[in-house]
C-alpha atoms as a PDB file:
ATOM      1  CA  MET A   1     -54.186  17.689  23.574  1.00  0.00           C
ATOM      2  CA  SER A   2     -54.401  21.266  24.412  1.00  0.00           C
ATOM      3  CA  GLU A   3     -54.071  22.585  20.839  1.00  0.00           C
ATOM      4  CA  PRO A   4     -57.024  22.164  18.531  1.00  0.00           C
ATOM      5  CA  ASN A   5     -54.957  21.635  15.342  1.00  0.00           C
ATOM      6  CA  GLY A   6     -52.981  18.659  16.778  1.00  0.00           C
ATOM      7  CA  GLN A   7     -49.530  20.396  16.648  1.00  0.00           C
ATOM      8  CA  GLU A   8     -48.496  19.390  20.185  1.00  0.00           C
ATOM      9  CA  PRO A   9     -48.174  15.530  19.534  1.00  0.00           C
ATOM     10  CA  LEU A  10     -46.111  16.317  16.396  1.00  0.00           C
ATOM     11  CA  ASP A  11     -43.831  18.643  18.354  1.00  0.00           C
ATOM     12  CA  ASP A  12     -43.404  15.880  20.961  1.00  0.00           C
ATOM     13  CA  LEU A  13     -42.612  13.385  18.325  1.00  0.00           C
ATOM     14  CA  ASN A  14     -40.097  15.660  16.655  1.00  0.00           C
ATOM     15  CA  LYS A  15     -38.376  16.286  20.007  1.00  0.00           C
ATOM     16  CA  ARG A  16     -38.212  12.514  20.770  1.00  0.00           C
ATOM     17  CA  LEU A  17     -36.773  11.784  17.244  1.00  0.00           C
ATOM     18  CA  LYS A  18     -34.170  14.502  17.615  1.00  0.00           C
ATOM     19  CA  ASP A  19     -33.113  13.107  21.030  1.00  0.00           C
ATOM     20  CA  ALA A  20     -32.858   9.628  19.638  1.00  0.00           C
ATOM     21  CA  ARG A  21     -30.752  10.785  16.710  1.00  0.00           C
ATOM     22  CA  ASN A  22     -28.412  12.650  19.089  1.00  0.00           C
ATOM     23  CA  ARG A  23     -28.011   9.594  21.259  1.00  0.00           C
ATOM     24  CA  LYS A  24     -27.252   7.443  18.195  1.00  0.00           C
ATOM     25  CA  THR A  25     -24.636   9.805  16.689  1.00  0.00           C
ATOM     26  CA  ALA A  26     -23.081  10.453  20.126  1.00  0.00           C
ATOM     27  CA  GLY A  27     -22.024   6.775  20.399  1.00  0.00           C
ATOM     28  CA  THR A  28     -20.433   6.704  16.943  1.00  0.00           C
ATOM     29  CA  ARG A  29     -18.465   9.909  17.184  1.00  0.00           C
ATOM     30  CA  GLY A  30     -14.925  10.047  18.561  1.00  0.00           C
ATOM     31  CA  LYS A  31     -13.528  12.062  21.459  1.00  0.00           C
ATOM     32  CA  ASN A  32     -13.187  15.211  19.456  1.00  0.00           C
ATOM     33  CA  GLY A  33     -16.762  15.005  18.090  1.00  0.00           C
ATOM     34  CA  ALA A  34     -15.700  13.999  14.596  1.00  0.00           C
ATOM     35  CA  ALA A  35     -17.340  11.201  12.684  1.00  0.00           C
ATOM     36  CA  PRO A  36     -15.226   8.043  12.378  1.00  0.00           C
ATOM     37  CA  ARG A  37     -13.178   7.839   9.225  1.00  0.00           C
ATOM     38  CA  SER A  38     -13.717   5.378   6.530  1.00  0.00           C
ATOM     39  CA  ASP A  39     -11.003   2.871   5.443  1.00  0.00           C
ATOM     40  CA  TYR A  40     -11.449   3.967   1.857  1.00  0.00           C
ATOM     41  CA  GLY A  41      -9.672   7.308   2.231  1.00  0.00           C
ATOM     42  CA  PRO A  42      -6.264   5.960   3.261  1.00  0.00           C
ATOM     43  CA  ALA A  43      -6.511   3.200   0.661  1.00  0.00           C
ATOM     44  CA  ILE A  44      -7.244   5.645  -2.122  1.00  0.00           C
ATOM     45  CA  ARG A  45      -4.369   7.839  -0.919  1.00  0.00           C
ATOM     46  CA  VAL A  46      -1.956   4.925  -0.971  1.00  0.00           C
ATOM     47  CA  GLY A  47      -2.910   4.064  -4.486  1.00  0.00           C
ATOM     48  CA  THR A  48      -2.743   7.634  -5.691  1.00  0.00           C
ATOM     49  CA  ASP A  49       0.635   8.145  -4.082  1.00  0.00           C
ATOM     50  CA  LEU A  50       2.066   5.121  -5.900  1.00  0.00           C
ATOM     51  CA  VAL A  51       0.570   5.993  -9.268  1.00  0.00           C
ATOM     52  CA  ALA A  52       1.465   9.636  -9.013  1.00  0.00           C
ATOM     53  CA  GLY A  53       5.065   8.894  -8.256  1.00  0.00           C
ATOM     54  CA  VAL A  54       5.432   6.578 -11.231  1.00  0.00           C
ATOM     55  CA  ALA A  55       3.529   8.917 -13.551  1.00  0.00           C
ATOM     56  CA  VAL A  56       5.567  11.951 -12.662  1.00  0.00           C
ATOM     57  CA  GLY A  57       8.786  10.019 -13.045  1.00  0.00           C
ATOM     58  CA  VAL A  58       7.714   8.682 -16.502  1.00  0.00           C
ATOM     59  CA  VAL A  59       6.619  12.175 -17.721  1.00  0.00           C
ATOM     60  CA  ILE A  60       9.847  13.834 -16.595  1.00  0.00           C
ATOM     61  CA  GLY A  61      11.974  11.067 -18.144  1.00  0.00           C
ATOM     62  CA  TRP A  62       9.985  11.145 -21.347  1.00  0.00           C
ATOM     63  CA  VAL A  63      10.305  14.957 -21.726  1.00  0.00           C
ATOM     64  CA  LEU A  64      13.999  14.941 -20.999  1.00  0.00           C
ATOM     65  CA  ASP A  65      14.539  12.147 -23.474  1.00  0.00           C
ATOM     66  CA  ARG A  66      12.757  14.094 -26.221  1.00  0.00           C
ATOM     67  CA  TRP A  67      14.659  17.286 -25.354  1.00  0.00           C
ATOM     68  CA  LEU A  68      18.162  15.664 -25.037  1.00  0.00           C
ATOM     69  CA  GLY A  69      17.707  12.845 -27.521  1.00  0.00           C
ATOM     70  CA  THR A  70      18.711  10.159 -25.072  1.00  0.00           C
ATOM     71  CA  THR A  71      15.758   7.768 -25.711  1.00  0.00           C
ATOM     72  CA  PRO A  72      15.005   5.590 -23.654  1.00  0.00           C
ATOM     73  CA  TRP A  73      17.645   6.007 -20.920  1.00  0.00           C
ATOM     74  CA  LEU A  74      16.308   8.897 -18.979  1.00  0.00           C
ATOM     75  CA  LEU A  75      12.780   7.502 -19.155  1.00  0.00           C
ATOM     76  CA  LEU A  76      14.023   4.322 -17.514  1.00  0.00           C
ATOM     77  CA  VAL A  77      16.022   6.251 -14.893  1.00  0.00           C
ATOM     78  CA  PHE A  78      13.131   8.516 -13.951  1.00  0.00           C
ATOM     79  CA  PHE A  79      10.697   5.584 -13.993  1.00  0.00           C
ATOM     80  CA  LEU A  80      12.845   3.914 -11.377  1.00  0.00           C
ATOM     81  CA  LEU A  81      13.178   7.171  -9.408  1.00  0.00           C
ATOM     82  CA  GLY A  82       9.405   7.774  -9.576  1.00  0.00           C
ATOM     83  CA  SER A  83       8.721   4.195  -8.513  1.00  0.00           C
ATOM     84  CA  ALA A  84      11.073   4.593  -5.520  1.00  0.00           C
ATOM     85  CA  ALA A  85       9.413   7.898  -4.591  1.00  0.00           C
ATOM     86  CA  GLY A  86       5.926   6.316  -4.851  1.00  0.00           C
ATOM     87  CA  ILE A  87       6.945   3.317  -2.697  1.00  0.00           C
ATOM     88  CA  THR A  88       8.505   5.628  -0.154  1.00  0.00           C
ATOM     89  CA  ASN A  89       5.267   7.682   0.046  1.00  0.00           C
ATOM     90  CA  VAL A  90       3.270   4.436   0.367  1.00  0.00           C
ATOM     91  CA  MET A  91       5.409   3.249   3.242  1.00  0.00           C
ATOM     92  CA  ARG A  92       5.191   6.616   4.985  1.00  0.00           C
ATOM     93  CA  THR A  93       1.435   6.664   4.673  1.00  0.00           C
ATOM     94  CA  ALA A  94       1.106   3.028   5.859  1.00  0.00           C
ATOM     95  CA  MET A  95       3.272   3.830   8.909  1.00  0.00           C
ATOM     96  CA  LYS A  96       1.180   6.888   9.716  1.00  0.00           C
ATOM     97  CA  ILE A  97      -2.071   4.829   9.427  1.00  0.00           C
ATOM     98  CA  GLU A  98      -0.658   2.168  11.708  1.00  0.00           C
ATOM     99  CA  SER A  99       0.526   4.654  14.310  1.00  0.00           C
ATOM    100  CA  ASP A 100      -2.953   6.316  14.276  1.00  0.00           C
ATOM    101  CA  ALA A 101      -4.661   2.936  14.706  1.00  0.00           C
ATOM    102  CA  LYS A 102      -2.341   2.070  17.558  1.00  0.00           C
ATOM    103  CA  ALA A 103      -3.044   5.370  19.326  1.00  0.00           C
ATOM    104  CA  ASP A 104      -6.820   4.740  18.833  1.00  0.00           C
ATOM    105  CA  ARG A 105      -6.498   1.269  20.328  1.00  0.00           C
ATOM    106  CA  GLU A 106      -4.463   2.603  23.266  1.00  0.00           C
ATOM    107  CA  SER A 107      -7.001   5.409  23.986  1.00  0.00           C
ATOM    108  CA  LYS A 108      -9.892   2.891  23.811  1.00  0.00           C
ATOM    109  CA  ARG A 109      -7.964   0.601  26.208  1.00  0.00           C
ATOM    110  CA  ASN A 110      -7.329   3.425  28.597  1.00  0.00           C
ATOM    111  CA  ASP A 111     -11.003   4.568  28.396  1.00  0.00           C
ATOM    112  CA  VAL A 112     -12.194   1.035  29.232  1.00  0.00           C
ATOM    113  CA  GLY A 113      -9.940   0.979  32.301  1.00  0.00           C
ATOM    114  CA  LYS A 114     -11.242   4.356  33.539  1.00  0.00           C
ATOM    115  CA  ASN A 115     -14.863   3.283  33.276  1.00  0.00           C
ATOM    116  CA  GLU A 116     -14.378   0.159  35.421  1.00  0.00           C
ATOM    117  CA  ALA A 117     -15.078   0.445  39.145  1.00  0.00           C
ATOM    118  CA  PRO A 118     -12.064  -0.138  41.433  1.00  0.00           C
END
């Protein structure tokens, strides 16, 4: 202890804690340094896409029905169109999520093969 106020042991402790945190986060980050994504984001997006498609279709149909006096036919037509658009968006999002997961699995498989000794 070279310093009389005891600062040196605290500095050493801070340095060791910082090194430990860096080692811990380095193992959980991906290749590009980004934190791993949660599964909640895509799930919320899928639900929002479906609900938004149906809601927009219903609103457009309701407004057109009130304006043109064709109640309830345009509401039904735009409900179906909105539902189809929502399901299409859900399928597109699900396919993208699956392709991203497949690419991650492939990159992990390739990384494991590179790390093994010949």
